[in-house]
Protein backbone atom coordinates (compact mmCIF):
# COMPACT_ATOMS: atom_id res chain seq x y z
CA MET A 1 11.86 -60.14 13.48
CA THR A 2 12.19 -57.86 16.43
CA ARG A 3 10.13 -54.75 17.26
CA LYS A 4 11.38 -51.39 16.92
CA LYS A 5 11.46 -49.54 20.34
CA ARG A 6 9.26 -46.72 20.46
CA GLN A 7 11.45 -43.53 21.63
CA PRO A 8 10.09 -42.12 24.90
CA VAL A 9 7.88 -38.95 24.63
CA VAL A 10 10.03 -36.12 26.14
CA CYS A 11 8.46 -32.61 27.12
CA GLY A 12 10.27 -30.01 25.24
CA THR A 13 9.45 -31.56 21.80
CA ARG A 14 6.79 -31.56 19.09
CA SER A 15 6.11 -35.04 20.21
CA GLY A 16 5.66 -34.09 24.03
CA TYR A 17 3.19 -31.45 22.76
CA ASP A 18 1.29 -33.75 20.76
CA LYS A 19 1.03 -36.13 23.93
CA HIS A 20 -0.39 -33.23 25.91
CA TYR A 21 -2.91 -32.25 23.33
CA ARG A 22 -4.16 -36.18 23.04
CA LYS A 23 -4.64 -35.99 26.70
CA LYS A 24 -6.62 -33.00 26.22
CA GLU A 25 -4.30 -31.17 28.95
CA MET A 26 -2.60 -27.92 28.50
CA PRO A 27 0.91 -28.20 27.20
CA CYS A 28 4.11 -27.46 29.43
CA ASP A 29 5.80 -24.26 28.38
CA GLU A 30 8.83 -26.31 26.65
CA CYS A 31 6.33 -27.95 24.34
CA HIS A 32 4.57 -25.19 23.39
CA LYS A 33 7.97 -23.29 22.71
CA ALA A 34 8.98 -26.51 20.65
CA LEU A 35 5.55 -26.29 18.95
CA LEU A 36 6.40 -22.35 18.00
CA ASP A 37 10.08 -23.14 16.88
CA GLU A 38 8.87 -25.88 14.36
CA TRP A 39 6.34 -23.41 12.93
CA VAL A 40 8.89 -20.72 12.67
CA GLU A 41 11.32 -23.55 10.74
CA ARG A 42 8.60 -24.40 8.44
CA ARG A 43 7.91 -20.69 7.30
CA LYS A 44 11.77 -20.36 6.60
CA THR A 45 11.64 -23.53 4.33
CA LYS A 46 8.29 -23.21 2.60
CA PRO A 47 8.31 -19.35 1.57
CA GLU A 48 4.57 -19.91 0.00
CA ILE A 49 3.45 -19.99 3.65
CA ASN A 50 5.00 -16.33 4.06
CA ILE A 51 3.06 -14.88 0.92
CA LYS A 52 -0.22 -16.28 2.14
CA ARG A 53 0.52 -14.39 5.58
CA LYS A 54 1.77 -11.30 4.03
CA ALA A 55 -1.89 -10.36 2.68
CA TRP A 56 -2.88 -10.66 6.58
CA ARG A 57 -0.29 -8.78 7.65
CA ASP A 58 -0.90 -5.76 5.32
CA ASP A 59 -4.48 -5.98 6.47
CA PRO A 60 -4.87 -7.46 9.81
CA GLU A 61 -8.23 -6.32 10.43
CA ASN A 62 -9.93 -7.96 7.49
CA LYS A 63 -8.14 -11.55 8.39
CA TYR A 64 -11.64 -13.44 7.88
CA LYS A 65 -12.11 -11.58 4.47
CA TYR A 66 -9.22 -13.42 3.05
CA GLN A 67 -10.58 -16.77 4.66
CA SER A 68 -13.83 -16.35 3.22
CA ARG A 69 -12.66 -15.53 -0.07
CA ARG A 70 -10.48 -18.70 -0.09
CA THR A 71 -13.24 -20.91 1.06
CA LYS A 72 -15.53 -19.65 -1.41
CA ALA A 73 -13.13 -20.22 -4.04
CA ARG A 74 -12.34 -23.87 -2.98
CA GLU A 75 -16.27 -24.60 -2.88
CA LEU A 76 -16.86 -23.38 -6.39
CA GLY A 77 -13.57 -24.92 -7.68
CA ILE A 78 -12.05 -21.72 -9.14
CA GLU A 79 -8.38 -20.38 -8.94
CA TYR A 80 -7.36 -18.16 -6.07
CA ASP A 81 -4.07 -16.17 -5.17
CA TYR A 82 -3.85 -13.91 -2.17
CA HIS A 83 -3.68 -10.35 -2.80
CA ALA A 84 -4.42 -7.50 -0.67
CA ASP A 85 -6.44 -4.33 -1.23
CA GLN A 86 -3.22 -2.89 -1.59
CA ASP A 87 -2.08 -4.99 -4.35
CA VAL A 88 -4.97 -3.91 -6.27
CA ILE A 89 -4.71 -0.25 -5.96
CA ASP A 90 -1.13 -0.42 -6.98
CA LYS A 91 -1.68 -2.64 -10.17
CA TYR A 92 -5.10 -0.73 -11.24
CA GLY A 93 -4.98 2.74 -9.77
CA THR A 94 -7.63 4.65 -7.54
CA LYS A 95 -10.34 5.05 -10.07
CA CYS A 96 -13.46 2.95 -10.00
CA HIS A 97 -13.21 0.71 -13.40
CA ILE A 98 -17.09 1.03 -13.53
CA CYS A 99 -17.83 4.66 -13.48
CA ASN A 100 -14.31 5.71 -14.17
CA GLU A 101 -14.26 8.51 -11.35
CA GLU A 102 -12.12 8.56 -8.27
CA ILE A 103 -12.57 6.72 -4.98
CA ASP A 104 -12.83 8.21 -1.76
CA PHE A 105 -10.30 6.14 0.60
CA THR A 106 -11.52 8.14 3.44
CA ALA A 107 -15.10 7.31 3.32
CA PRO A 108 -16.48 4.32 5.72
CA ARG A 109 -16.23 1.04 4.06
CA LYS A 110 -19.26 -0.21 6.20
CA VAL A 111 -22.53 -0.45 4.30
CA GLY A 112 -25.14 2.16 5.80
CA ILE A 113 -22.86 4.91 7.39
CA ILE A 114 -23.40 8.10 5.88
CA GLY A 115 -20.93 8.29 2.62
CA TRP A 116 -20.31 4.66 2.10
CA GLN A 117 -21.37 4.77 -1.46
CA ARG A 118 -17.99 6.27 -2.84
CA SER A 119 -15.77 4.13 -0.34
CA PHE A 120 -13.50 1.25 -1.82
CA HIS A 121 -14.47 -2.27 -2.82
CA VAL A 122 -12.90 -4.61 -4.90
CA ASP A 123 -14.95 -5.93 -7.76
CA HIS A 124 -14.54 -8.78 -9.73
CA VAL A 125 -14.63 -8.30 -13.69
CA VAL A 126 -16.04 -11.76 -14.21
CA PRO A 127 -17.92 -12.63 -11.41
CA THR A 128 -17.02 -15.90 -9.31
CA SER A 129 -20.68 -17.19 -9.85
CA LYS A 130 -19.94 -17.19 -13.44
CA ASN A 131 -16.51 -18.90 -12.97
CA GLY A 132 -14.57 -15.84 -12.80
CA SER A 133 -11.14 -16.50 -10.78
CA ASN A 134 -10.65 -14.76 -7.61
CA THR A 135 -6.91 -13.72 -8.64
CA ILE A 136 -5.38 -10.16 -9.20
CA ASP A 137 -6.20 -10.25 -12.92
CA ASN A 138 -9.86 -10.57 -12.15
CA VAL A 139 -10.29 -7.96 -9.48
CA ARG A 140 -10.41 -4.10 -9.94
CA PRO A 141 -10.84 -1.26 -7.46
CA SER A 142 -14.52 0.28 -7.70
CA HIS A 143 -16.85 2.37 -5.57
CA ALA A 144 -19.19 0.14 -3.13
CA GLU A 145 -22.18 1.48 -4.81
CA CYS A 146 -21.02 0.78 -8.56
CA ASN A 147 -20.00 -2.67 -6.93
CA ILE A 148 -23.26 -3.31 -5.60
CA ARG A 149 -25.51 -1.99 -8.56
CA LYS A 150 -23.23 -4.53 -10.58
CA ASN A 151 -23.64 -7.65 -8.60
CA ALA A 152 -22.93 -10.52 -10.63
CA THR A 153 -23.26 -9.12 -13.97
CA LEU A 154 -20.53 -8.94 -16.84
CA MET A 155 -19.54 -5.56 -17.81
CA GLU A 156 -20.97 -5.41 -21.25
CA ASP A 157 -24.16 -6.68 -19.65
CA LEU A 158 -24.62 -3.59 -17.40
CA TRP A 159 -28.14 -1.87 -18.45
CA TRP A 160 -27.37 1.50 -16.61
CA LYS A 161 -24.24 2.01 -18.40
CA LYS A 162 -25.65 2.15 -21.65
């Protein structure tokens, strides 16, 4: 039985990039371009990758928010889909689902800045801590203060809404 000869590693290919990586050295420009070309080709053949990235493109400053939601869902073993804040607004409107008043989209979203209470938050109808999914069907628009007061309770258990 004869051994199969290994192909020589050539710069300007993905294997060339991998060789640079294994040697812990900076890849040459040709190898880096080969890696980028492979990524572009993969995105063309696997459209689900584009769906994931779409949410980040729509809301690039909140890229880490999407990553943390996915990580938390994976840890809890719950269902997760990629949805941008705009998707929630388009589907359910601009009223808070807890108090039924309009949300102020010009208000600062960071807690502690004056006027943050009326800003936009995404609320889970069934909290993820109670095995609620992190999908577009389980999230609704809400005021920041309403969402924080609701915390991890179900809508029918809210004492301040009765």
